[in-house]
């Protein structure tokens, strides 16, 4: 990125990482499908670098049909087999099957609460959002739950003090201006 703003160290020197840091990390997704995308990507990231997953993001979007909760919830074993052959994504059967199960869970949450935003806000108000995420979704342990919460602004992400986004967190803003 051609600017001189100070960022968190993990976002320096890589334009794609800097763009993610500046424009997305710590901001609430705008739709149920965008929430689901972060759940899936963070689940796939477990054991890998975020850079690896971010570089494969367009392939994930294609493979998981734009992260449409309804479409992924209807995936069959044939879809799982197709995804296991897709060289553009991380081909891990357990993570692929978890994405399908998590789409079904997300669909149930949307039916019950009206949206994932409402479901997560209610959980956040009632208690430990990390516990909620890890007990609700498949293959989401405490660390992955924390990654989802930081990525989506459910918990303010830990920007370095010198980072230009740190002030947003201190001011309680999850939207960029």
C-alpha atoms as a PDB file:
ATOM      1  CA  UNK A   1       0.000   0.000   0.000  1.00  0.00           C
ATOM      2  CA  UNK A   2       1.437   3.328  -0.987  1.00  0.00           C
ATOM      3  CA  UNK A   3       0.797   5.145   2.284  1.00  0.00           C
ATOM      4  CA  UNK A   4       2.955   5.748   5.315  1.00  0.00           C
ATOM      5  CA  UNK A   5       0.486   4.758   8.041  1.00  0.00           C
ATOM      6  CA  UNK A   6       1.889   2.595  10.808  1.00  0.00           C
ATOM      7  CA  UNK A   7       0.251  -0.826  10.969  1.00  0.00           C
ATOM      8  CA  UNK A   8       0.489  -3.905  13.122  1.00  0.00           C
ATOM      9  CA  UNK A   9       3.680  -5.775  12.249  1.00  0.00           C
ATOM     10  CA  UNK A  10       1.871  -8.774  10.737  1.00  0.00           C
ATOM     11  CA  UNK A  11       0.353  -6.516   8.048  1.00  0.00           C
ATOM     12  CA  UNK A  12       3.561  -4.773   6.978  1.00  0.00           C
ATOM     13  CA  UNK A  13       5.230  -5.607   3.681  1.00  0.00           C
ATOM     14  CA  UNK A  14       2.316  -7.435   2.079  1.00  0.00           C
ATOM     15  CA  UNK A  15      -0.320  -5.440   0.219  1.00  0.00           C
ATOM     16  CA  UNK A  16      -3.048  -8.062   0.625  1.00  0.00           C
ATOM     17  CA  UNK A  17      -2.428  -8.408   4.366  1.00  0.00           C
ATOM     18  CA  UNK A  18      -2.327  -4.606   4.761  1.00  0.00           C
ATOM     19  CA  UNK A  19      -5.636  -4.232   2.908  1.00  0.00           C
ATOM     20  CA  UNK A  20      -7.243  -6.925   5.104  1.00  0.00           C
ATOM     21  CA  UNK A  21      -5.852  -5.245   8.239  1.00  0.00           C
ATOM     22  CA  UNK A  22      -6.971  -1.773   7.169  1.00  0.00           C
ATOM     23  CA  UNK A  23     -10.388  -2.582   5.729  1.00  0.00           C
ATOM     24  CA  UNK A  24     -11.699  -5.709   7.433  1.00  0.00           C
ATOM     25  CA  UNK A  25      -9.954  -6.940  10.564  1.00  0.00           C
ATOM     26  CA  UNK A  26     -12.040  -5.964  13.564  1.00  0.00           C
ATOM     27  CA  UNK A  27     -15.049  -4.798  11.559  1.00  0.00           C
ATOM     28  CA  UNK A  28     -18.437  -6.470  11.738  1.00  0.00           C
ATOM     29  CA  UNK A  29     -19.412  -8.329   8.561  1.00  0.00           C
ATOM     30  CA  UNK A  30     -22.308  -6.758   6.672  1.00  0.00           C
ATOM     31  CA  UNK A  31     -24.313  -9.912   5.904  1.00  0.00           C
ATOM     32  CA  UNK A  32     -24.948 -13.428   7.131  1.00  0.00           C
ATOM     33  CA  UNK A  33     -22.878 -14.808   4.254  1.00  0.00           C
ATOM     34  CA  UNK A  34     -19.978 -12.505   5.202  1.00  0.00           C
ATOM     35  CA  UNK A  35     -20.186 -13.719   8.829  1.00  0.00           C
ATOM     36  CA  UNK A  36     -20.182 -17.297   7.580  1.00  0.00           C
ATOM     37  CA  UNK A  37     -17.177 -16.570   5.364  1.00  0.00           C
ATOM     38  CA  UNK A  38     -15.147 -15.473   8.388  1.00  0.00           C
ATOM     39  CA  UNK A  39     -16.183 -18.555  10.373  1.00  0.00           C
ATOM     40  CA  UNK A  40     -15.122 -20.824   7.506  1.00  0.00           C
ATOM     41  CA  UNK A  41     -11.871 -19.010   6.715  1.00  0.00           C
ATOM     42  CA  UNK A  42     -10.792 -18.832  10.347  1.00  0.00           C
ATOM     43  CA  UNK A  43     -11.625 -22.522  10.775  1.00  0.00           C
ATOM     44  CA  UNK A  44      -9.536 -23.402   7.720  1.00  0.00           C
ATOM     45  CA  UNK A  45      -6.725 -21.175   9.020  1.00  0.00           C
ATOM     46  CA  UNK A  46      -6.181 -23.332  12.116  1.00  0.00           C
ATOM     47  CA  UNK A  47      -2.662 -24.707  11.844  1.00  0.00           C
ATOM     48  CA  UNK A  48      -1.810 -22.484   8.865  1.00  0.00           C
ATOM     49  CA  UNK A  49      -0.858 -18.865   8.390  1.00  0.00           C
ATOM     50  CA  UNK A  50      -3.566 -16.308   7.717  1.00  0.00           C
ATOM     51  CA  UNK A  51      -1.538 -15.233   4.686  1.00  0.00           C
ATOM     52  CA  UNK A  52      -2.040 -18.722   3.171  1.00  0.00           C
ATOM     53  CA  UNK A  53      -5.806 -18.591   3.647  1.00  0.00           C
ATOM     54  CA  UNK A  54      -6.085 -14.987   2.484  1.00  0.00           C
ATOM     55  CA  UNK A  55      -4.236 -15.806  -0.744  1.00  0.00           C
ATOM     56  CA  UNK A  56      -6.719 -18.616  -1.394  1.00  0.00           C
ATOM     57  CA  UNK A  57      -9.757 -16.523  -0.510  1.00  0.00           C
ATOM     58  CA  UNK A  58     -11.067 -16.110  -4.048  1.00  0.00           C
ATOM     59  CA  UNK A  59     -10.783 -19.867  -4.612  1.00  0.00           C
ATOM     60  CA  UNK A  60     -12.628 -20.470  -1.324  1.00  0.00           C
ATOM     61  CA  UNK A  61     -15.354 -18.050  -2.419  1.00  0.00           C
ATOM     62  CA  UNK A  62     -15.745 -19.890  -5.697  1.00  0.00           C
ATOM     63  CA  UNK A  63     -15.644 -23.358  -4.121  1.00  0.00           C
ATOM     64  CA  UNK A  64     -18.098 -22.449  -1.354  1.00  0.00           C
ATOM     65  CA  UNK A  65     -20.461 -20.580  -3.700  1.00  0.00           C
ATOM     66  CA  UNK A  66     -19.795 -17.117  -2.337  1.00  0.00           C
ATOM     67  CA  UNK A  67     -20.169 -18.477   1.194  1.00  0.00           C
ATOM     68  CA  UNK A  68     -23.929 -18.582   0.732  1.00  0.00           C
ATOM     69  CA  UNK A  69     -25.137 -20.081   4.001  1.00  0.00           C
ATOM     70  CA  UNK A  70     -28.126 -21.702   2.294  1.00  0.00           C
ATOM     71  CA  UNK A  71     -26.140 -23.179  -0.580  1.00  0.00           C
ATOM     72  CA  UNK A  72     -23.359 -24.588   1.589  1.00  0.00           C
ATOM     73  CA  UNK A  73     -25.933 -25.973   4.043  1.00  0.00           C
ATOM     74  CA  UNK A  74     -27.314 -28.049   1.173  1.00  0.00           C
ATOM     75  CA  UNK A  75     -23.923 -29.497   0.151  1.00  0.00           C
ATOM     76  CA  UNK A  76     -23.841 -33.267  -0.161  1.00  0.00           C
ATOM     77  CA  UNK A  77     -21.089 -35.848   0.095  1.00  0.00           C
ATOM     78  CA  UNK A  78     -20.556 -35.301  -3.650  1.00  0.00           C
ATOM     79  CA  UNK A  79     -19.830 -31.635  -2.944  1.00  0.00           C
ATOM     80  CA  UNK A  80     -17.354 -32.638  -0.236  1.00  0.00           C
ATOM     81  CA  UNK A  81     -15.638 -34.942  -2.757  1.00  0.00           C
ATOM     82  CA  UNK A  82     -15.547 -32.083  -5.298  1.00  0.00           C
ATOM     83  CA  UNK A  83     -13.963 -29.769  -2.751  1.00  0.00           C
ATOM     84  CA  UNK A  84     -11.355 -32.370  -1.827  1.00  0.00           C
ATOM     85  CA  UNK A  85     -10.233 -32.272  -5.473  1.00  0.00           C
ATOM     86  CA  UNK A  86     -10.112 -28.460  -5.658  1.00  0.00           C
ATOM     87  CA  UNK A  87      -6.440 -27.478  -5.705  1.00  0.00           C
ATOM     88  CA  UNK A  88      -7.294 -23.820  -5.069  1.00  0.00           C
ATOM     89  CA  UNK A  89      -8.403 -24.369  -1.487  1.00  0.00           C
ATOM     90  CA  UNK A  90      -7.051 -26.133   1.582  1.00  0.00           C
ATOM     91  CA  UNK A  91      -8.093 -29.737   0.987  1.00  0.00           C
ATOM     92  CA  UNK A  92      -8.784 -31.067   4.454  1.00  0.00           C
ATOM     93  CA  UNK A  93     -11.800 -33.359   4.767  1.00  0.00           C
ATOM     94  CA  UNK A  94     -12.486 -32.481   8.412  1.00  0.00           C
ATOM     95  CA  UNK A  95     -12.428 -28.749   7.716  1.00  0.00           C
ATOM     96  CA  UNK A  96     -14.583 -29.096   4.592  1.00  0.00           C
ATOM     97  CA  UNK A  97     -17.133 -31.210   6.448  1.00  0.00           C
ATOM     98  CA  UNK A  98     -17.054 -28.696   9.312  1.00  0.00           C
ATOM     99  CA  UNK A  99     -17.845 -25.877   6.860  1.00  0.00           C
ATOM    100  CA  UNK A 100     -20.951 -27.745   5.688  1.00  0.00           C
ATOM    101  CA  UNK A 101     -22.046 -28.504   9.259  1.00  0.00           C
ATOM    102  CA  UNK A 102     -21.368 -24.900  10.277  1.00  0.00           C
ATOM    103  CA  UNK A 103     -23.522 -23.656   7.389  1.00  0.00           C
ATOM    104  CA  UNK A 104     -26.379 -25.758   8.763  1.00  0.00           C
ATOM    105  CA  UNK A 105     -25.756 -24.371  12.244  1.00  0.00           C
ATOM    106  CA  UNK A 106     -25.622 -20.809  10.864  1.00  0.00           C
ATOM    107  CA  UNK A 107     -28.869 -21.422   9.003  1.00  0.00           C
ATOM    108  CA  UNK A 108     -30.530 -22.532  12.252  1.00  0.00           C
ATOM    109  CA  UNK A 109     -29.193 -19.440  14.054  1.00  0.00           C
ATOM    110  CA  UNK A 110     -30.549 -17.183  11.310  1.00  0.00           C
ATOM    111  CA  UNK A 111     -33.955 -18.871  11.515  1.00  0.00           C
ATOM    112  CA  UNK A 112     -33.992 -18.504  15.309  1.00  0.00           C
ATOM    113  CA  UNK A 113     -32.546 -14.992  15.680  1.00  0.00           C
ATOM    114  CA  UNK A 114     -33.222 -13.330  12.332  1.00  0.00           C
ATOM    115  CA  UNK A 115     -29.531 -12.911  11.484  1.00  0.00           C
ATOM    116  CA  UNK A 116     -26.082 -13.972  12.585  1.00  0.00           C
ATOM    117  CA  UNK A 117     -25.434 -10.396  13.686  1.00  0.00           C
ATOM    118  CA  UNK A 118     -28.362 -10.634  16.100  1.00  0.00           C
ATOM    119  CA  UNK A 119     -27.361 -14.123  17.296  1.00  0.00           C
ATOM    120  CA  UNK A 120     -23.796 -13.042  18.029  1.00  0.00           C
ATOM    121  CA  UNK A 121     -24.839  -9.753  19.630  1.00  0.00           C
ATOM    122  CA  UNK A 122     -27.211 -11.587  21.963  1.00  0.00           C
ATOM    123  CA  UNK A 123     -24.480 -14.093  22.862  1.00  0.00           C
ATOM    124  CA  UNK A 124     -22.019 -11.257  23.467  1.00  0.00           C
ATOM    125  CA  UNK A 125     -24.469  -9.483  25.772  1.00  0.00           C
ATOM    126  CA  UNK A 126     -25.277 -12.652  27.697  1.00  0.00           C
ATOM    127  CA  UNK A 127     -21.755 -13.817  28.398  1.00  0.00           C
ATOM    128  CA  UNK A 128     -18.563 -15.245  27.017  1.00  0.00           C
ATOM    129  CA  UNK A 129     -18.623 -14.884  23.218  1.00  0.00           C
ATOM    130  CA  UNK A 130     -15.599 -17.191  22.872  1.00  0.00           C
ATOM    131  CA  UNK A 131     -17.403 -19.950  24.759  1.00  0.00           C
ATOM    132  CA  UNK A 132     -20.491 -19.386  22.616  1.00  0.00           C
ATOM    133  CA  UNK A 133     -18.543 -19.643  19.349  1.00  0.00           C
ATOM    134  CA  UNK A 134     -16.606 -22.720  20.425  1.00  0.00           C
ATOM    135  CA  UNK A 135     -19.670 -24.529  21.781  1.00  0.00           C
ATOM    136  CA  UNK A 136     -21.883 -23.624  18.806  1.00  0.00           C
ATOM    137  CA  UNK A 137     -19.679 -24.315  15.785  1.00  0.00           C
ATOM    138  CA  UNK A 138     -17.833 -27.457  14.710  1.00  0.00           C
ATOM    139  CA  UNK A 139     -14.003 -27.453  14.829  1.00  0.00           C
ATOM    140  CA  UNK A 140     -13.971 -24.079  16.587  1.00  0.00           C
ATOM    141  CA  UNK A 141     -11.820 -24.304  19.678  1.00  0.00           C
ATOM    142  CA  UNK A 142     -10.929 -21.411  21.933  1.00  0.00           C
ATOM    143  CA  UNK A 143      -8.111 -20.117  19.664  1.00  0.00           C
ATOM    144  CA  UNK A 144     -10.239 -20.241  16.509  1.00  0.00           C
ATOM    145  CA  UNK A 145     -13.118 -18.627  18.410  1.00  0.00           C
ATOM    146  CA  UNK A 146     -10.763 -15.829  19.422  1.00  0.00           C
ATOM    147  CA  UNK A 147      -9.638 -15.398  15.801  1.00  0.00           C
ATOM    148  CA  UNK A 148     -13.260 -15.193  14.633  1.00  0.00           C
ATOM    149  CA  UNK A 149     -14.106 -12.711  17.393  1.00  0.00           C
ATOM    150  CA  UNK A 150     -11.130 -10.468  16.571  1.00  0.00           C
ATOM    151  CA  UNK A 151     -11.685 -10.680  12.800  1.00  0.00           C
ATOM    152  CA  UNK A 152     -15.345  -9.685  13.123  1.00  0.00           C
ATOM    153  CA  UNK A 153     -15.025  -7.132  15.913  1.00  0.00           C
ATOM    154  CA  UNK A 154     -17.002  -9.200  18.425  1.00  0.00           C
ATOM    155  CA  UNK A 155     -13.951  -8.559  20.596  1.00  0.00           C
ATOM    156  CA  UNK A 156     -11.785  -5.546  19.743  1.00  0.00           C
ATOM    157  CA  UNK A 157      -8.692  -6.890  17.979  1.00  0.00           C
ATOM    158  CA  UNK A 158      -5.302  -6.368  19.610  1.00  0.00           C
ATOM    159  CA  UNK A 159      -3.769  -3.705  17.406  1.00  0.00           C
ATOM    160  CA  UNK A 160      -0.241  -2.675  18.318  1.00  0.00           C
ATOM    161  CA  UNK A 161      -0.152   0.646  20.177  1.00  0.00           C
ATOM    162  CA  UNK A 162       1.557   2.390  17.268  1.00  0.00           C
ATOM    163  CA  UNK A 163      -0.974   1.110  14.710  1.00  0.00           C
ATOM    164  CA  UNK A 164      -3.249   3.718  13.186  1.00  0.00           C
ATOM    165  CA  UNK A 165      -6.233   1.385  13.804  1.00  0.00           C
ATOM    166  CA  UNK A 166      -5.503   1.151  17.550  1.00  0.00           C
ATOM    167  CA  UNK A 167      -7.312   4.445  18.050  1.00  0.00           C
ATOM    168  CA  UNK A 168     -10.459   2.968  16.441  1.00  0.00           C
ATOM    169  CA  UNK A 169     -10.427   0.206  19.041  1.00  0.00           C
ATOM    170  CA  UNK A 170      -9.901   2.649  21.904  1.00  0.00           C
ATOM    171  CA  UNK A 171     -12.831   4.707  20.679  1.00  0.00           C
ATOM    172  CA  UNK A 172     -15.044   1.618  20.352  1.00  0.00           C
ATOM    173  CA  UNK A 173     -15.494   1.994  16.600  1.00  0.00           C
ATOM    174  CA  UNK A 174     -15.716  -1.105  14.482  1.00  0.00           C
ATOM    175  CA  UNK A 175     -16.529   0.778  11.315  1.00  0.00           C
ATOM    176  CA  UNK A 176     -13.907   2.582   9.297  1.00  0.00           C
ATOM    177  CA  UNK A 177     -14.616   6.085   8.143  1.00  0.00           C
END
